[in-house]
Amino acid sequence: MQKILTDKTDAPGILLLQEDVDLADQQLIRSLEKINQSGKAFHLWVDCAGLKCLKTMGFCHFINQLLLLRHRAAHITLLNLSPQHQALLKLFNLNAFFTIVHDIKEIDQLVQAS
């Protein structure tokens, strides 16, 4: 099961996915629908450290899930993505679709900019 954290402020919302990325999870679908209905702009952040789907289903499945999520979220940020996976994103010409954050300082700058 994936861990979903949401931002409760009036600022642009942040939905953080940890542990897994699974569009079959009804909790995730309800969270995305709730945010979309609010009309509030939001960012989807995915903490890639320790994602179950990367280990069990592979990188292509993970990318497929991210591309499907792009239809529901305007902006996706990948946190803690390994250098090997970053290289694969670049190889597949998909790195332009996502923001990749390497450390906490970058996260703080993204939050302040949004």
N, C-alpha and C. Protein backbone atom coordinates (compact mmCIF):
# COMPACT_ATOMS: atom_id res chain seq x y z
N MET A 1 0.84 -1.18 0.00
CA MET A 1 0.00 0.00 0.00
C MET A 1 0.88 1.24 0.00
N GLN A 2 0.42 2.26 -0.67
CA GLN A 2 1.20 3.48 -0.72
C GLN A 2 0.78 4.42 0.40
N LYS A 3 1.71 5.24 0.80
CA LYS A 3 1.48 6.23 1.84
C LYS A 3 1.23 7.56 1.12
N ILE A 4 0.10 8.21 1.42
CA ILE A 4 -0.28 9.44 0.75
C ILE A 4 -0.40 10.55 1.79
N LEU A 5 0.36 11.62 1.61
CA LEU A 5 0.30 12.77 2.51
C LEU A 5 -0.17 13.96 1.70
N THR A 6 -1.08 14.75 2.27
CA THR A 6 -1.58 15.93 1.57
C THR A 6 -1.34 17.18 2.38
N ASP A 7 -1.26 18.28 1.67
CA ASP A 7 -1.07 19.60 2.26
C ASP A 7 -2.46 20.18 2.52
N LYS A 8 -2.70 20.73 3.70
CA LYS A 8 -4.03 21.23 4.08
C LYS A 8 -4.14 22.76 4.03
N THR A 9 -3.21 23.45 3.39
CA THR A 9 -3.24 24.91 3.37
C THR A 9 -3.94 25.42 2.12
N ASP A 10 -4.11 26.74 2.02
CA ASP A 10 -4.69 27.36 0.84
C ASP A 10 -3.67 27.59 -0.26
N ALA A 11 -2.41 27.40 0.05
CA ALA A 11 -1.36 27.53 -0.97
C ALA A 11 -1.51 26.39 -1.96
N PRO A 12 -0.80 26.47 -3.08
CA PRO A 12 -0.86 25.33 -4.00
C PRO A 12 -0.58 24.04 -3.26
N GLY A 13 -1.41 23.04 -3.46
CA GLY A 13 -1.34 21.80 -2.71
C GLY A 13 -0.20 20.91 -3.12
N ILE A 14 0.19 20.08 -2.19
CA ILE A 14 1.24 19.09 -2.44
C ILE A 14 0.69 17.75 -2.00
N LEU A 15 0.76 16.79 -2.90
CA LEU A 15 0.39 15.42 -2.60
C LEU A 15 1.68 14.62 -2.69
N LEU A 16 2.09 14.00 -1.59
CA LEU A 16 3.34 13.25 -1.51
C LEU A 16 3.03 11.76 -1.46
N LEU A 17 3.58 11.01 -2.41
CA LEU A 17 3.44 9.56 -2.43
C LEU A 17 4.73 8.93 -1.93
N GLN A 18 4.59 8.01 -0.98
CA GLN A 18 5.74 7.28 -0.46
C GLN A 18 5.43 5.79 -0.46
N GLU A 19 6.44 4.98 -0.52
CA GLU A 19 6.38 3.54 -0.44
C GLU A 19 5.92 2.85 -1.71
N ASP A 20 4.98 3.41 -2.48
CA ASP A 20 4.53 2.80 -3.72
C ASP A 20 3.79 3.81 -4.58
N VAL A 21 3.72 3.53 -5.88
CA VAL A 21 2.94 4.32 -6.82
C VAL A 21 2.03 3.33 -7.54
N ASP A 22 0.74 3.39 -7.22
CA ASP A 22 -0.20 2.41 -7.74
C ASP A 22 -1.53 3.08 -8.03
N LEU A 23 -1.83 3.25 -9.32
CA LEU A 23 -3.09 3.89 -9.71
C LEU A 23 -4.30 3.00 -9.47
N ALA A 24 -4.08 1.73 -9.14
CA ALA A 24 -5.19 0.85 -8.80
C ALA A 24 -5.65 1.09 -7.36
N ASP A 25 -4.89 1.84 -6.59
CA ASP A 25 -5.23 2.14 -5.20
C ASP A 25 -6.34 3.19 -5.17
N GLN A 26 -7.49 2.80 -4.66
CA GLN A 26 -8.64 3.70 -4.64
C GLN A 26 -8.42 4.91 -3.73
N GLN A 27 -7.60 4.77 -2.71
CA GLN A 27 -7.29 5.91 -1.84
C GLN A 27 -6.59 7.00 -2.64
N LEU A 28 -5.67 6.62 -3.51
CA LEU A 28 -4.98 7.60 -4.34
C LEU A 28 -5.95 8.26 -5.31
N ILE A 29 -6.79 7.48 -5.95
CA ILE A 29 -7.77 8.03 -6.90
C ILE A 29 -8.69 9.02 -6.19
N ARG A 30 -9.18 8.67 -5.00
CA ARG A 30 -10.05 9.58 -4.24
C ARG A 30 -9.30 10.86 -3.87
N SER A 31 -8.05 10.73 -3.46
CA SER A 31 -7.25 11.91 -3.09
C SER A 31 -7.07 12.83 -4.29
N LEU A 32 -6.76 12.26 -5.46
CA LEU A 32 -6.59 13.07 -6.67
C LEU A 32 -7.89 13.74 -7.09
N GLU A 33 -9.00 13.02 -7.01
CA GLU A 33 -10.30 13.59 -7.37
C GLU A 33 -10.68 14.72 -6.42
N LYS A 34 -10.43 14.52 -5.14
CA LYS A 34 -10.74 15.55 -4.14
C LYS A 34 -9.95 16.83 -4.41
N ILE A 35 -8.67 16.68 -4.70
CA ILE A 35 -7.84 17.86 -4.99
C ILE A 35 -8.29 18.53 -6.29
N ASN A 36 -8.57 17.73 -7.32
CA ASN A 36 -9.02 18.30 -8.60
C ASN A 36 -10.33 19.04 -8.45
N GLN A 37 -11.26 18.53 -7.62
CA GLN A 37 -12.54 19.19 -7.41
C GLN A 37 -12.40 20.51 -6.66
N SER A 38 -11.36 20.62 -5.85
CA SER A 38 -11.16 21.85 -5.08
C SER A 38 -10.75 23.00 -6.00
N GLY A 39 -10.27 22.67 -7.21
CA GLY A 39 -9.83 23.70 -8.14
C GLY A 39 -8.48 24.30 -7.77
N LYS A 40 -7.89 23.80 -6.71
CA LYS A 40 -6.60 24.30 -6.23
C LYS A 40 -5.47 23.67 -7.04
N ALA A 41 -4.52 24.48 -7.45
CA ALA A 41 -3.34 23.94 -8.14
C ALA A 41 -2.59 23.04 -7.18
N PHE A 42 -2.03 21.97 -7.71
CA PHE A 42 -1.26 21.11 -6.81
C PHE A 42 -0.10 20.46 -7.54
N HIS A 43 0.85 20.03 -6.72
CA HIS A 43 2.05 19.35 -7.19
C HIS A 43 2.02 17.93 -6.63
N LEU A 44 2.40 16.99 -7.44
CA LEU A 44 2.52 15.61 -7.00
C LEU A 44 3.99 15.31 -6.81
N TRP A 45 4.36 14.95 -5.60
CA TRP A 45 5.74 14.59 -5.28
C TRP A 45 5.78 13.09 -5.02
N VAL A 46 6.78 12.44 -5.57
CA VAL A 46 6.95 11.00 -5.38
C VAL A 46 8.32 10.76 -4.75
N ASP A 47 8.31 10.19 -3.55
CA ASP A 47 9.55 9.83 -2.89
C ASP A 47 9.98 8.47 -3.42
N CYS A 48 11.00 8.45 -4.25
CA CYS A 48 11.43 7.23 -4.96
C CYS A 48 12.28 6.31 -4.10
N ALA A 49 12.69 6.76 -2.93
CA ALA A 49 13.50 5.91 -2.05
C ALA A 49 12.64 4.77 -1.51
N GLY A 50 12.99 3.57 -1.86
CA GLY A 50 12.30 2.40 -1.32
C GLY A 50 10.93 2.12 -1.93
N LEU A 51 10.66 2.59 -3.15
CA LEU A 51 9.37 2.31 -3.77
C LEU A 51 9.23 0.82 -4.07
N LYS A 52 8.13 0.23 -3.61
CA LYS A 52 7.90 -1.19 -3.83
C LYS A 52 7.74 -1.52 -5.30
N CYS A 53 7.06 -0.65 -6.05
CA CYS A 53 6.80 -0.95 -7.46
C CYS A 53 8.09 -1.00 -8.28
N LEU A 54 9.08 -0.23 -7.91
CA LEU A 54 10.36 -0.29 -8.62
C LEU A 54 11.03 -1.65 -8.43
N LYS A 55 10.89 -2.19 -7.23
CA LYS A 55 11.52 -3.47 -6.92
C LYS A 55 10.73 -4.65 -7.47
N THR A 56 9.41 -4.57 -7.42
CA THR A 56 8.60 -5.72 -7.81
C THR A 56 8.15 -5.70 -9.26
N MET A 57 7.84 -4.51 -9.80
CA MET A 57 7.29 -4.41 -11.15
C MET A 57 8.28 -3.86 -12.17
N GLY A 58 9.32 -3.17 -11.70
CA GLY A 58 10.34 -2.65 -12.59
C GLY A 58 10.16 -1.18 -12.95
N PHE A 59 11.17 -0.65 -13.59
CA PHE A 59 11.22 0.78 -13.91
C PHE A 59 10.17 1.17 -14.96
N CYS A 60 9.96 0.31 -15.96
CA CYS A 60 8.98 0.66 -17.00
C CYS A 60 7.57 0.78 -16.43
N HIS A 61 7.21 -0.11 -15.51
CA HIS A 61 5.91 0.00 -14.85
C HIS A 61 5.82 1.31 -14.07
N PHE A 62 6.87 1.65 -13.36
CA PHE A 62 6.91 2.89 -12.59
C PHE A 62 6.70 4.10 -13.50
N ILE A 63 7.42 4.12 -14.63
CA ILE A 63 7.28 5.23 -15.58
C ILE A 63 5.86 5.27 -16.15
N ASN A 64 5.29 4.12 -16.44
CA ASN A 64 3.92 4.06 -16.93
C ASN A 64 2.96 4.69 -15.92
N GLN A 65 3.13 4.36 -14.65
CA GLN A 65 2.27 4.94 -13.61
C GLN A 65 2.45 6.46 -13.53
N LEU A 66 3.69 6.93 -13.64
CA LEU A 66 3.95 8.37 -13.60
C LEU A 66 3.31 9.09 -14.79
N LEU A 67 3.41 8.50 -15.97
CA LEU A 67 2.82 9.13 -17.15
C LEU A 67 1.30 9.16 -17.05
N LEU A 68 0.70 8.13 -16.48
CA LEU A 68 -0.75 8.15 -16.25
C LEU A 68 -1.12 9.22 -15.23
N LEU A 69 -0.28 9.39 -14.21
CA LEU A 69 -0.53 10.42 -13.20
C LEU A 69 -0.41 11.83 -13.77
N ARG A 70 0.41 11.99 -14.81
CA ARG A 70 0.57 13.32 -15.41
C ARG A 70 -0.74 13.86 -15.95
N HIS A 71 -1.66 12.99 -16.31
CA HIS A 71 -2.97 13.43 -16.80
C HIS A 71 -3.81 14.04 -15.67
N ARG A 72 -3.49 13.69 -14.44
CA ARG A 72 -4.26 14.18 -13.29
C ARG A 72 -3.54 15.28 -12.52
N ALA A 73 -2.22 15.35 -12.68
CA ALA A 73 -1.43 16.35 -11.95
C ALA A 73 -0.62 17.16 -12.94
N ALA A 74 -0.64 18.46 -12.74
CA ALA A 74 0.07 19.34 -13.67
C ALA A 74 1.58 19.21 -13.53
N HIS A 75 2.05 18.91 -12.34
CA HIS A 75 3.49 18.92 -12.10
C HIS A 75 3.87 17.75 -11.20
N ILE A 76 4.84 16.95 -11.63
CA ILE A 76 5.31 15.82 -10.82
C ILE A 76 6.79 16.02 -10.50
N THR A 77 7.11 15.91 -9.23
CA THR A 77 8.48 16.03 -8.76
C THR A 77 8.91 14.69 -8.19
N LEU A 78 10.07 14.21 -8.62
CA LEU A 78 10.62 12.95 -8.15
C LEU A 78 11.72 13.24 -7.13
N LEU A 79 11.56 12.71 -5.94
CA LEU A 79 12.53 12.88 -4.87
C LEU A 79 13.34 11.60 -4.72
N ASN A 80 14.62 11.74 -4.45
CA ASN A 80 15.49 10.59 -4.16
C ASN A 80 15.53 9.57 -5.29
N LEU A 81 15.49 10.01 -6.53
CA LEU A 81 15.59 9.10 -7.67
C LEU A 81 17.06 8.73 -7.87
N SER A 82 17.34 7.45 -8.01
CA SER A 82 18.74 7.00 -8.14
C SER A 82 19.37 7.53 -9.42
N PRO A 83 20.69 7.67 -9.44
CA PRO A 83 21.37 8.12 -10.65
C PRO A 83 21.11 7.20 -11.85
N GLN A 84 20.98 5.89 -11.60
CA GLN A 84 20.69 4.95 -12.69
C GLN A 84 19.31 5.23 -13.29
N HIS A 85 18.33 5.48 -12.44
CA HIS A 85 16.98 5.77 -12.93
C HIS A 85 16.91 7.14 -13.61
N GLN A 86 17.69 8.08 -13.12
CA GLN A 86 17.77 9.38 -13.79
C GLN A 86 18.34 9.22 -15.20
N ALA A 87 19.35 8.38 -15.33
CA ALA A 87 19.96 8.13 -16.64
C ALA A 87 18.96 7.46 -17.58
N LEU A 88 18.14 6.55 -17.05
CA LEU A 88 17.12 5.91 -17.88
C LEU A 88 16.06 6.91 -18.33
N LEU A 89 15.64 7.81 -17.44
CA LEU A 89 14.68 8.85 -17.84
C LEU A 89 15.24 9.67 -19.00
N LYS A 90 16.50 10.02 -18.88
CA LYS A 90 17.15 10.81 -19.94
C LYS A 90 17.25 10.01 -21.23
N LEU A 91 17.60 8.74 -21.13
CA LEU A 91 17.71 7.87 -22.29
C LEU A 91 16.37 7.74 -23.02
N PHE A 92 15.28 7.66 -22.27
CA PHE A 92 13.94 7.55 -22.84
C PHE A 92 13.35 8.91 -23.24
N ASN A 93 14.14 9.98 -23.06
CA ASN A 93 13.69 11.35 -23.34
C ASN A 93 12.45 11.73 -22.53
N LEU A 94 12.40 11.28 -21.28
CA LEU A 94 11.27 11.59 -20.40
C LEU A 94 11.66 12.54 -19.27
N ASN A 95 12.92 12.90 -19.18
CA ASN A 95 13.37 13.76 -18.08
C ASN A 95 12.72 15.14 -18.12
N ALA A 96 12.26 15.60 -19.27
CA ALA A 96 11.62 16.91 -19.35
C ALA A 96 10.21 16.91 -18.73
N PHE A 97 9.64 15.74 -18.54
CA PHE A 97 8.28 15.65 -18.00
C PHE A 97 8.24 15.77 -16.48
N PHE A 98 9.38 15.60 -15.83
CA PHE A 98 9.40 15.56 -14.37
C PHE A 98 10.52 16.46 -13.84
N THR A 99 10.30 16.97 -12.64
CA THR A 99 11.35 17.68 -11.91
C THR A 99 12.01 16.67 -10.98
N ILE A 100 13.32 16.66 -10.98
CA ILE A 100 14.06 15.74 -10.12
C ILE A 100 14.76 16.55 -9.03
N VAL A 101 14.52 16.17 -7.79
CA VAL A 101 15.09 16.88 -6.64
C VAL A 101 16.08 15.96 -5.95
N HIS A 102 17.28 16.50 -5.71
CA HIS A 102 18.36 15.69 -5.15
C HIS A 102 18.51 15.85 -3.64
N ASP A 103 18.18 17.02 -3.09
CA ASP A 103 18.36 17.20 -1.65
C ASP A 103 17.28 18.11 -1.06
N ILE A 104 17.27 18.17 0.25
CA ILE A 104 16.24 18.90 1.00
C ILE A 104 16.25 20.39 0.66
N LYS A 105 17.39 20.99 0.40
CA LYS A 105 17.45 22.41 0.08
C LYS A 105 16.64 22.71 -1.17
N GLU A 106 16.69 21.83 -2.16
CA GLU A 106 15.91 22.03 -3.37
C GLU A 106 14.41 21.94 -3.09
N ILE A 107 14.02 21.05 -2.19
CA ILE A 107 12.60 20.91 -1.84
C ILE A 107 12.10 22.20 -1.22
N ASP A 108 12.86 22.75 -0.31
CA ASP A 108 12.47 24.00 0.34
C ASP A 108 12.31 25.12 -0.68
N GLN A 109 13.21 25.20 -1.65
CA GLN A 109 13.11 26.23 -2.71
C GLN A 109 11.88 26.02 -3.56
N LEU A 110 11.53 24.78 -3.87
CA LEU A 110 10.34 24.50 -4.67
C LEU A 110 9.08 24.91 -3.93
N VAL A 111 9.02 24.63 -2.63
CA VAL A 111 7.85 24.99 -1.82
C VAL A 111 7.68 26.50 -1.79
N GLN A 112 8.77 27.23 -1.58
CA GLN A 112 8.70 28.69 -1.52
C GLN A 112 8.34 29.29 -2.85
N ALA A 113 8.74 28.67 -3.96
CA ALA A 113 8.46 29.20 -5.29
C ALA A 113 7.03 28.96 -5.72
N SER A 114 6.37 27.95 -5.14
CA SER A 114 4.99 27.63 -5.57
C SER A 114 3.94 28.41 -4.84
